[in-house]
Amino acid sequence: MPDLDLLHISIADQLLYGFSDGQLVVRLSVSTARNGAGERNGSGCTPRGLHQVRVKVGAGLPLAAVLRGRRWTGEVWSSQLHEQFPERDWILTRILWLSGLEPGRNRMGEVDTFRRYIYLHGTPDTEPMGEPLSHGCIRLRNADMLALFDRVPPHCRVRIDEAACPQWSTGQDFT
């Protein structure tokens, strides 16, 4: 059941912080863009600012379901499938498709997050977390993505910042 009302992603920490009624209740390791932060179309960067979850994709699919063009291919990721298609940018399990809420910064024109197809999505468990390696999206472990998906309502706010969040990054383990 959806209980989160804000996701805060720290590019510096490579962590996602989930809040419910102002209380930190989720902390998950992520991987943002190898190219750093930026909003321009084609930059391969993770966009900053305030966003919302505009579309949720993959409800009911198996863990590690392979998604291409936001549709299930019928495949479930395995190391053998990975070896067969080593060039794929693996989008697995679920998608939370983001839309910017700040015109001129991450919405409309050449900086439109939604038109850039920026997602929170699962990735192969062989890929490291805590390191910026994506092409712009926010990657999570498949089990984390599966658990997060049901807790996030449509239109949930998502803030992406470059700054570290030391007040949230240590302490209680929420996983």
N, C-alpha and C. Protein backbone atom coordinates (compact mmCIF):
# COMPACT_ATOMS: atom_id res chain seq x y z
N MET A 1 0.84 -1.18 0.00
CA MET A 1 0.00 0.00 0.00
C MET A 1 0.89 1.25 0.00
N PRO A 2 0.59 2.21 -0.87
CA PRO A 2 1.42 3.42 -0.93
C PRO A 2 1.43 4.18 0.39
N ASP A 3 2.64 4.44 0.89
CA ASP A 3 2.76 5.22 2.12
C ASP A 3 3.81 6.31 2.02
N LEU A 4 4.57 6.32 0.94
CA LEU A 4 5.62 7.32 0.78
C LEU A 4 5.06 8.56 0.08
N ASP A 5 5.46 9.74 0.52
CA ASP A 5 4.99 10.96 -0.13
C ASP A 5 6.12 11.80 -0.70
N LEU A 6 7.37 11.40 -0.44
CA LEU A 6 8.52 12.09 -1.01
C LEU A 6 9.69 11.13 -1.11
N LEU A 7 10.32 11.11 -2.29
CA LEU A 7 11.59 10.43 -2.47
C LEU A 7 12.64 11.52 -2.70
N HIS A 8 13.75 11.41 -2.00
CA HIS A 8 14.85 12.37 -2.16
C HIS A 8 16.06 11.56 -2.59
N ILE A 9 16.62 11.90 -3.75
CA ILE A 9 17.78 11.19 -4.26
C ILE A 9 18.99 12.12 -4.17
N SER A 10 20.00 11.67 -3.47
CA SER A 10 21.25 12.42 -3.34
C SER A 10 22.28 11.82 -4.29
N ILE A 11 22.69 12.61 -5.28
CA ILE A 11 23.70 12.16 -6.22
C ILE A 11 25.04 11.97 -5.50
N ALA A 12 25.36 12.85 -4.57
CA ALA A 12 26.62 12.74 -3.82
C ALA A 12 26.67 11.47 -2.98
N ASP A 13 25.56 11.16 -2.31
CA ASP A 13 25.50 9.97 -1.45
C ASP A 13 25.24 8.69 -2.22
N GLN A 14 24.67 8.81 -3.45
CA GLN A 14 24.19 7.66 -4.21
C GLN A 14 23.19 6.87 -3.35
N LEU A 15 22.28 7.63 -2.74
CA LEU A 15 21.24 7.05 -1.89
C LEU A 15 19.89 7.67 -2.21
N LEU A 16 18.86 6.84 -2.07
CA LEU A 16 17.47 7.29 -2.14
C LEU A 16 16.92 7.28 -0.73
N TYR A 17 16.30 8.38 -0.35
CA TYR A 17 15.67 8.51 0.97
C TYR A 17 14.17 8.62 0.74
N GLY A 18 13.40 7.77 1.39
CA GLY A 18 11.95 7.80 1.27
C GLY A 18 11.30 8.31 2.53
N PHE A 19 10.35 9.23 2.37
CA PHE A 19 9.69 9.87 3.51
C PHE A 19 8.20 9.60 3.50
N SER A 20 7.66 9.46 4.68
CA SER A 20 6.22 9.34 4.90
C SER A 20 5.85 10.32 6.01
N ASP A 21 4.98 11.27 5.68
CA ASP A 21 4.58 12.30 6.66
C ASP A 21 5.78 12.96 7.33
N GLY A 22 6.81 13.26 6.56
CA GLY A 22 7.97 13.97 7.08
C GLY A 22 8.99 13.11 7.80
N GLN A 23 8.72 11.81 7.93
CA GLN A 23 9.63 10.90 8.63
C GLN A 23 10.40 10.05 7.62
N LEU A 24 11.71 9.96 7.80
CA LEU A 24 12.54 9.10 6.97
C LEU A 24 12.24 7.64 7.31
N VAL A 25 11.78 6.88 6.31
CA VAL A 25 11.40 5.48 6.56
C VAL A 25 12.11 4.50 5.61
N VAL A 26 12.78 5.01 4.57
CA VAL A 26 13.46 4.16 3.60
C VAL A 26 14.80 4.80 3.24
N ARG A 27 15.83 3.97 3.16
CA ARG A 27 17.13 4.42 2.66
C ARG A 27 17.67 3.29 1.79
N LEU A 28 17.88 3.58 0.49
CA LEU A 28 18.32 2.57 -0.45
C LEU A 28 19.51 3.07 -1.26
N SER A 29 20.44 2.19 -1.53
CA SER A 29 21.58 2.50 -2.38
C SER A 29 21.11 2.54 -3.84
N VAL A 30 21.63 3.51 -4.60
CA VAL A 30 21.27 3.67 -6.01
C VAL A 30 22.53 3.88 -6.84
N SER A 31 22.32 3.93 -8.15
CA SER A 31 23.37 4.32 -9.09
C SER A 31 22.77 5.35 -10.04
N THR A 32 23.32 6.57 -10.02
CA THR A 32 22.86 7.63 -10.91
C THR A 32 23.82 7.68 -12.11
N ALA A 33 23.75 8.76 -12.89
CA ALA A 33 24.47 8.84 -14.17
C ALA A 33 25.98 8.93 -14.03
N ARG A 34 26.63 8.16 -14.86
CA ARG A 34 28.10 8.22 -14.99
C ARG A 34 28.54 9.64 -15.38
N ASN A 35 27.71 10.34 -16.18
CA ASN A 35 28.04 11.69 -16.65
C ASN A 35 27.70 12.78 -15.64
N GLY A 36 27.24 12.41 -14.46
CA GLY A 36 26.92 13.40 -13.43
C GLY A 36 25.53 13.98 -13.57
N ALA A 37 25.35 15.16 -13.02
CA ALA A 37 24.05 15.82 -13.01
C ALA A 37 23.91 16.76 -14.20
N GLY A 38 22.72 16.81 -14.76
CA GLY A 38 22.43 17.71 -15.88
C GLY A 38 21.08 17.40 -16.47
N GLU A 39 20.52 18.36 -17.14
CA GLU A 39 19.14 18.24 -17.61
C GLU A 39 18.99 18.14 -19.13
N ARG A 40 20.00 18.45 -19.90
CA ARG A 40 19.84 18.53 -21.35
C ARG A 40 19.59 17.17 -21.98
N ASN A 41 18.71 17.17 -22.96
CA ASN A 41 18.41 15.97 -23.73
C ASN A 41 19.70 15.47 -24.38
N GLY A 42 19.94 14.18 -24.29
CA GLY A 42 21.12 13.57 -24.90
C GLY A 42 22.39 13.68 -24.07
N SER A 43 22.31 14.27 -22.89
CA SER A 43 23.50 14.47 -22.06
C SER A 43 23.95 13.21 -21.33
N GLY A 44 23.04 12.26 -21.13
CA GLY A 44 23.37 11.09 -20.33
C GLY A 44 23.53 11.40 -18.86
N CYS A 45 22.95 12.53 -18.43
CA CYS A 45 23.06 12.98 -17.04
C CYS A 45 21.76 12.73 -16.28
N THR A 46 21.86 12.67 -14.97
CA THR A 46 20.68 12.57 -14.10
C THR A 46 20.16 13.98 -13.84
N PRO A 47 18.86 14.22 -14.12
CA PRO A 47 18.31 15.56 -13.95
C PRO A 47 18.09 15.92 -12.49
N ARG A 48 18.32 17.19 -12.18
CA ARG A 48 18.12 17.69 -10.82
C ARG A 48 16.76 18.36 -10.69
N GLY A 49 16.40 18.62 -9.43
CA GLY A 49 15.20 19.39 -9.15
C GLY A 49 14.03 18.53 -8.71
N LEU A 50 12.86 19.17 -8.69
CA LEU A 50 11.64 18.52 -8.23
C LEU A 50 10.93 17.84 -9.39
N HIS A 51 10.58 16.59 -9.19
CA HIS A 51 9.88 15.77 -10.18
C HIS A 51 8.68 15.11 -9.51
N GLN A 52 7.93 14.39 -10.34
CA GLN A 52 6.87 13.52 -9.82
C GLN A 52 6.92 12.20 -10.57
N VAL A 53 6.39 11.16 -9.93
CA VAL A 53 6.22 9.88 -10.61
C VAL A 53 4.99 10.02 -11.49
N ARG A 54 5.22 10.05 -12.80
CA ARG A 54 4.10 10.26 -13.73
C ARG A 54 3.47 8.94 -14.16
N VAL A 55 4.30 7.90 -14.33
CA VAL A 55 3.80 6.61 -14.79
C VAL A 55 4.51 5.51 -14.01
N LYS A 56 3.74 4.50 -13.60
CA LYS A 56 4.29 3.30 -12.97
C LYS A 56 4.11 2.14 -13.95
N VAL A 57 5.19 1.42 -14.22
CA VAL A 57 5.18 0.34 -15.21
C VAL A 57 5.67 -0.95 -14.57
N GLY A 58 4.95 -2.05 -14.82
CA GLY A 58 5.45 -3.37 -14.45
C GLY A 58 4.74 -4.06 -13.31
N ALA A 59 3.65 -3.49 -12.81
CA ALA A 59 2.93 -4.14 -11.71
C ALA A 59 2.60 -5.58 -12.08
N GLY A 60 2.90 -6.50 -11.17
CA GLY A 60 2.58 -7.91 -11.37
C GLY A 60 3.61 -8.71 -12.14
N LEU A 61 4.62 -8.06 -12.68
CA LEU A 61 5.66 -8.80 -13.42
C LEU A 61 6.61 -9.49 -12.44
N PRO A 62 7.29 -10.55 -12.91
CA PRO A 62 8.23 -11.24 -12.03
C PRO A 62 9.46 -10.38 -11.73
N LEU A 63 10.12 -10.70 -10.64
CA LEU A 63 11.39 -10.07 -10.29
C LEU A 63 12.36 -10.26 -11.44
N ALA A 64 13.06 -9.21 -11.84
CA ALA A 64 14.04 -9.22 -12.92
C ALA A 64 13.42 -9.35 -14.31
N ALA A 65 12.11 -9.05 -14.42
CA ALA A 65 11.47 -9.00 -15.74
C ALA A 65 12.20 -7.97 -16.60
N VAL A 66 12.48 -8.31 -17.86
CA VAL A 66 13.19 -7.41 -18.76
C VAL A 66 12.19 -6.49 -19.45
N LEU A 67 12.43 -5.18 -19.33
CA LEU A 67 11.55 -4.18 -19.93
C LEU A 67 12.30 -3.43 -21.03
N ARG A 68 11.67 -3.33 -22.19
CA ARG A 68 12.22 -2.54 -23.31
C ARG A 68 11.08 -1.71 -23.86
N GLY A 69 11.31 -0.42 -24.00
CA GLY A 69 10.24 0.46 -24.45
C GLY A 69 9.06 0.44 -23.49
N ARG A 70 9.35 0.23 -22.20
CA ARG A 70 8.36 0.18 -21.13
C ARG A 70 7.39 -0.99 -21.25
N ARG A 71 7.79 -2.00 -21.99
CA ARG A 71 6.97 -3.21 -22.12
C ARG A 71 7.83 -4.43 -21.77
N TRP A 72 7.16 -5.43 -21.17
CA TRP A 72 7.86 -6.66 -20.83
C TRP A 72 8.17 -7.44 -22.09
N THR A 73 9.40 -7.87 -22.24
CA THR A 73 9.81 -8.65 -23.40
C THR A 73 9.40 -10.11 -23.28
N GLY A 74 8.95 -10.52 -22.09
CA GLY A 74 8.68 -11.92 -21.81
C GLY A 74 9.89 -12.62 -21.20
N GLU A 75 11.01 -11.91 -21.16
CA GLU A 75 12.25 -12.45 -20.61
C GLU A 75 12.38 -12.09 -19.14
N VAL A 76 13.11 -12.93 -18.43
CA VAL A 76 13.54 -12.64 -17.06
C VAL A 76 15.07 -12.67 -17.09
N TRP A 77 15.69 -11.60 -16.57
CA TRP A 77 17.14 -11.47 -16.64
C TRP A 77 17.83 -12.66 -15.99
N SER A 78 18.89 -13.11 -16.64
CA SER A 78 19.79 -14.13 -16.10
C SER A 78 21.19 -13.81 -16.61
N SER A 79 22.19 -14.39 -16.00
CA SER A 79 23.56 -14.14 -16.47
C SER A 79 23.75 -14.66 -17.90
N GLN A 80 23.04 -15.75 -18.24
CA GLN A 80 23.13 -16.27 -19.60
C GLN A 80 22.53 -15.29 -20.61
N LEU A 81 21.37 -14.69 -20.26
CA LEU A 81 20.75 -13.70 -21.14
C LEU A 81 21.66 -12.48 -21.27
N HIS A 82 22.28 -12.09 -20.16
CA HIS A 82 23.20 -10.95 -20.16
C HIS A 82 24.38 -11.21 -21.11
N GLU A 83 24.92 -12.42 -21.07
CA GLU A 83 26.02 -12.79 -21.97
C GLU A 83 25.58 -12.78 -23.42
N GLN A 84 24.33 -13.17 -23.66
CA GLN A 84 23.78 -13.21 -25.01
C GLN A 84 23.59 -11.80 -25.58
N PHE A 85 23.26 -10.83 -24.72
CA PHE A 85 23.00 -9.45 -25.14
C PHE A 85 23.82 -8.48 -24.28
N PRO A 86 25.13 -8.50 -24.39
CA PRO A 86 25.98 -7.69 -23.50
C PRO A 86 25.83 -6.18 -23.70
N GLU A 87 25.31 -5.76 -24.84
CA GLU A 87 25.20 -4.33 -25.14
C GLU A 87 23.95 -3.68 -24.56
N ARG A 88 23.02 -4.46 -24.06
CA ARG A 88 21.77 -3.90 -23.54
C ARG A 88 21.99 -3.07 -22.28
N ASP A 89 21.24 -1.98 -22.18
CA ASP A 89 21.14 -1.23 -20.92
C ASP A 89 19.94 -1.84 -20.22
N TRP A 90 20.17 -2.69 -19.25
CA TRP A 90 19.14 -3.51 -18.64
C TRP A 90 18.21 -2.69 -17.75
N ILE A 91 16.93 -2.69 -18.11
CA ILE A 91 15.87 -2.07 -17.31
C ILE A 91 14.99 -3.21 -16.85
N LEU A 92 15.00 -3.45 -15.54
CA LEU A 92 14.39 -4.66 -15.00
C LEU A 92 13.35 -4.37 -13.92
N THR A 93 12.46 -5.33 -13.73
CA THR A 93 11.52 -5.45 -12.62
C THR A 93 10.37 -4.46 -12.66
N ARG A 94 10.65 -3.17 -12.50
CA ARG A 94 9.62 -2.12 -12.48
C ARG A 94 10.23 -0.81 -12.96
N ILE A 95 9.35 0.11 -13.37
CA ILE A 95 9.76 1.46 -13.77
C ILE A 95 8.89 2.47 -13.04
N LEU A 96 9.52 3.47 -12.47
CA LEU A 96 8.84 4.69 -12.01
C LEU A 96 9.35 5.79 -12.94
N TRP A 97 8.49 6.22 -13.88
CA TRP A 97 8.86 7.18 -14.92
C TRP A 97 8.64 8.58 -14.38
N LEU A 98 9.69 9.38 -14.41
CA LEU A 98 9.65 10.71 -13.81
C LEU A 98 9.26 11.79 -14.81
N SER A 99 8.62 12.82 -14.28
CA SER A 99 8.27 14.02 -15.04
C SER A 99 8.69 15.23 -14.21
N GLY A 100 9.38 16.16 -14.83
CA GLY A 100 9.83 17.36 -14.13
C GLY A 100 8.67 18.27 -13.76
N LEU A 101 8.85 19.01 -12.69
CA LEU A 101 7.83 19.95 -12.22
C LEU A 101 8.31 21.40 -12.27
N GLU A 102 9.50 21.63 -12.84
CA GLU A 102 10.07 22.97 -12.88
C GLU A 102 10.29 23.39 -14.33
N PRO A 103 9.32 24.14 -14.92
CA PRO A 103 9.46 24.57 -16.32
C PRO A 103 10.78 25.31 -16.55
N GLY A 104 11.46 24.91 -17.62
CA GLY A 104 12.74 25.51 -17.96
C GLY A 104 13.94 24.86 -17.29
N ARG A 105 13.69 24.14 -16.21
CA ARG A 105 14.79 23.44 -15.52
C ARG A 105 14.77 21.95 -15.83
N ASN A 106 13.60 21.31 -15.67
CA ASN A 106 13.50 19.87 -15.93
C ASN A 106 12.17 19.52 -16.61
N ARG A 107 11.50 20.54 -17.13
CA ARG A 107 10.22 20.34 -17.80
C ARG A 107 10.16 21.22 -19.03
N MET A 108 9.71 20.65 -20.12
CA MET A 108 9.52 21.29 -21.43
C MET A 108 10.87 21.52 -22.14
N GLY A 109 10.77 21.58 -23.45
CA GLY A 109 11.93 21.88 -24.28
C GLY A 109 13.04 20.84 -24.19
N GLU A 110 14.27 21.30 -24.26
CA GLU A 110 15.45 20.43 -24.28
C GLU A 110 15.83 19.88 -22.91
N VAL A 111 15.06 20.20 -21.88
CA VAL A 111 15.38 19.74 -20.52
C VAL A 111 14.25 18.90 -19.92
N ASP A 112 13.36 18.39 -20.75
CA ASP A 112 12.17 17.70 -20.26
C ASP A 112 12.51 16.27 -19.79
N THR A 113 12.44 16.07 -18.49
CA THR A 113 12.77 14.77 -17.90
C THR A 113 11.90 13.65 -18.46
N PHE A 114 10.61 13.88 -18.61
CA PHE A 114 9.70 12.86 -19.12
C PHE A 114 10.08 12.45 -20.54
N ARG A 115 10.34 13.41 -21.40
CA ARG A 115 10.71 13.13 -22.79
C ARG A 115 12.11 12.52 -22.91
N ARG A 116 12.91 12.66 -21.85
CA ARG A 116 14.24 12.03 -21.81
C ARG A 116 14.14 10.58 -21.34
N TYR A 117 12.95 10.14 -20.94
CA TYR A 117 12.74 8.77 -20.46
C TYR A 117 13.62 8.47 -19.25
N ILE A 118 13.54 9.35 -18.26
CA ILE A 118 14.30 9.15 -17.03
C ILE A 118 13.44 8.38 -16.04
N TYR A 119 13.96 7.24 -15.59
CA TYR A 119 13.23 6.33 -14.71
C TYR A 119 14.01 6.04 -13.43
N LEU A 120 13.29 5.58 -12.43
CA LEU A 120 13.85 4.75 -11.38
C LEU A 120 13.53 3.33 -11.83
N HIS A 121 14.52 2.45 -11.88
CA HIS A 121 14.27 1.08 -12.36
C HIS A 121 15.25 0.10 -11.75
N GLY A 122 14.87 -1.17 -11.81
CA GLY A 122 15.75 -2.23 -11.37
C GLY A 122 16.87 -2.47 -12.36
N THR A 123 17.95 -3.06 -11.88
CA THR A 123 19.12 -3.35 -12.71
C THR A 123 19.70 -4.69 -12.27
N PRO A 124 20.49 -5.34 -13.11
CA PRO A 124 21.06 -6.63 -12.70
C PRO A 124 21.81 -6.52 -11.37
N ASP A 125 21.67 -7.54 -10.56
CA ASP A 125 22.33 -7.55 -9.25
C ASP A 125 23.85 -7.63 -9.37
N THR A 126 24.34 -7.90 -10.58
CA THR A 126 25.79 -7.90 -10.81
C THR A 126 26.34 -6.49 -10.94
N GLU A 127 25.46 -5.51 -11.17
CA GLU A 127 25.89 -4.11 -11.32
C GLU A 127 26.08 -3.48 -9.94
N PRO A 128 27.16 -2.72 -9.77
CA PRO A 128 27.39 -2.11 -8.46
C PRO A 128 26.40 -0.98 -8.15
N MET A 129 26.06 -0.86 -6.89
CA MET A 129 25.28 0.27 -6.39
C MET A 129 26.25 1.20 -5.67
N GLY A 130 25.84 2.44 -5.48
CA GLY A 130 26.69 3.40 -4.79
C GLY A 130 27.74 4.03 -5.68
N GLU A 131 27.71 3.71 -6.97
CA GLU A 131 28.63 4.29 -7.96
C GLU A 131 27.81 4.84 -9.10
N PRO A 132 28.13 6.03 -9.60
CA PRO A 132 27.38 6.59 -10.73
C PRO A 132 27.78 5.91 -12.04
N LEU A 133 26.90 5.04 -12.56
CA LEU A 133 27.21 4.26 -13.76
C LEU A 133 26.11 4.25 -14.81
N SER A 134 24.96 4.88 -14.53
CA SER A 134 23.83 4.81 -15.46
C SER A 134 23.99 5.80 -16.61
N HIS A 135 23.02 5.78 -17.51
CA HIS A 135 22.98 6.70 -18.65
C HIS A 135 22.05 7.88 -18.36
N GLY A 136 21.67 8.07 -17.10
CA GLY A 136 20.79 9.17 -16.71
C GLY A 136 19.73 8.75 -15.71
N CYS A 137 19.31 7.50 -15.80
CA CYS A 137 18.29 6.99 -14.88
C CYS A 137 18.86 6.75 -13.49
N ILE A 138 17.97 6.41 -12.57
CA ILE A 138 18.36 6.04 -11.22
C ILE A 138 18.13 4.53 -11.10
N ARG A 139 19.21 3.78 -10.98
CA ARG A 139 19.15 2.32 -10.89
C ARG A 139 19.07 1.88 -9.43
N LEU A 140 18.29 0.82 -9.21
CA LEU A 140 18.19 0.21 -7.88
C LEU A 140 18.32 -1.30 -8.01
N ARG A 141 18.65 -1.96 -6.92
CA ARG A 141 18.60 -3.42 -6.87
C ARG A 141 17.17 -3.85 -7.16
N ASN A 142 17.01 -5.00 -7.80
CA ASN A 142 15.67 -5.47 -8.16
C ASN A 142 14.76 -5.64 -6.96
N ALA A 143 15.26 -6.24 -5.90
CA ALA A 143 14.43 -6.43 -4.69
C ALA A 143 14.03 -5.09 -4.10
N ASP A 144 14.94 -4.11 -4.12
CA ASP A 144 14.62 -2.78 -3.61
C ASP A 144 13.56 -2.11 -4.49
N MET A 145 13.70 -2.25 -5.81
CA MET A 145 12.74 -1.64 -6.73
C MET A 145 11.36 -2.25 -6.54
N LEU A 146 11.32 -3.57 -6.37
CA LEU A 146 10.05 -4.26 -6.16
C LEU A 146 9.36 -3.76 -4.90
N ALA A 147 10.10 -3.65 -3.81
CA ALA A 147 9.53 -3.18 -2.55
C ALA A 147 9.11 -1.71 -2.63
N LEU A 148 9.92 -0.89 -3.28
CA LEU A 148 9.63 0.54 -3.38
C LEU A 148 8.40 0.80 -4.23
N PHE A 149 8.24 0.06 -5.31
CA PHE A 149 7.17 0.28 -6.29
C PHE A 149 5.79 0.36 -5.63
N ASP A 150 5.49 -0.58 -4.76
CA ASP A 150 4.17 -0.62 -4.14
C ASP A 150 3.98 0.47 -3.08
N ARG A 151 5.06 1.04 -2.61
CA ARG A 151 4.98 2.07 -1.57
C ARG A 151 4.87 3.49 -2.14
N VAL A 152 5.06 3.61 -3.46
CA VAL A 152 5.07 4.93 -4.10
C VAL A 152 3.77 5.14 -4.87
N PRO A 153 2.98 6.15 -4.50
CA PRO A 153 1.75 6.43 -5.24
C PRO A 153 2.04 7.20 -6.52
N PRO A 154 1.11 7.15 -7.49
CA PRO A 154 1.25 8.03 -8.65
C PRO A 154 1.36 9.48 -8.17
N HIS A 155 2.15 10.25 -8.86
CA HIS A 155 2.36 11.68 -8.58
C HIS A 155 3.18 11.94 -7.32
N CYS A 156 3.76 10.90 -6.74
CA CYS A 156 4.66 11.08 -5.60
C CYS A 156 5.78 12.04 -6.02
N ARG A 157 6.13 12.96 -5.15
CA ARG A 157 7.20 13.91 -5.43
C ARG A 157 8.56 13.22 -5.29
N VAL A 158 9.46 13.60 -6.20
CA VAL A 158 10.82 13.06 -6.22
C VAL A 158 11.78 14.24 -6.38
N ARG A 159 12.60 14.50 -5.37
CA ARG A 159 13.61 15.57 -5.46
C ARG A 159 14.96 14.92 -5.69
N ILE A 160 15.67 15.42 -6.72
CA ILE A 160 17.01 14.93 -7.04
C ILE A 160 17.98 16.09 -6.86
N ASP A 161 18.93 15.91 -5.96
CA ASP A 161 19.92 16.95 -5.66
C ASP A 161 21.33 16.38 -5.74
N GLU A 162 22.28 17.26 -6.02
CA GLU A 162 23.68 16.86 -6.03
C GLU A 162 24.25 16.76 -4.62
N ALA A 163 23.72 17.52 -3.70
CA ALA A 163 24.29 17.64 -2.36
C ALA A 163 24.19 16.34 -1.56
N ALA A 164 25.17 16.17 -0.69
CA ALA A 164 25.14 15.07 0.27
C ALA A 164 24.11 15.38 1.35
N CYS A 165 23.61 14.35 1.98
CA CYS A 165 22.61 14.49 3.05
C CYS A 165 23.11 13.76 4.29
N PRO A 166 24.15 14.28 4.94
CA PRO A 166 24.74 13.55 6.07
C PRO A 166 23.77 13.32 7.22
N GLN A 167 22.77 14.18 7.35
CA GLN A 167 21.80 14.01 8.43
C GLN A 167 20.94 12.77 8.23
N TRP A 168 20.88 12.25 7.00
CA TRP A 168 20.05 11.07 6.71
C TRP A 168 20.87 9.84 6.37
N SER A 169 22.14 10.02 6.00
CA SER A 169 22.90 8.91 5.41
C SER A 169 23.47 7.92 6.42
N THR A 170 23.43 8.24 7.70
CA THR A 170 23.92 7.30 8.71
C THR A 170 22.85 7.09 9.76
N GLY A 171 23.05 6.10 10.56
CA GLY A 171 22.09 5.85 11.63
C GLY A 171 21.26 4.62 11.37
N GLN A 172 20.00 4.70 11.72
CA GLN A 172 19.09 3.55 11.66
C GLN A 172 19.09 2.92 10.27
N ASP A 173 19.10 1.59 10.24
CA ASP A 173 19.03 0.84 8.99
C ASP A 173 17.57 0.59 8.67
N PHE A 174 17.11 1.08 7.51
CA PHE A 174 15.70 0.95 7.14
C PHE A 174 15.46 -0.17 6.15
N THR A 175 16.50 -0.88 5.73
CA THR A 175 16.32 -1.92 4.71
C THR A 175 15.78 -3.20 5.30
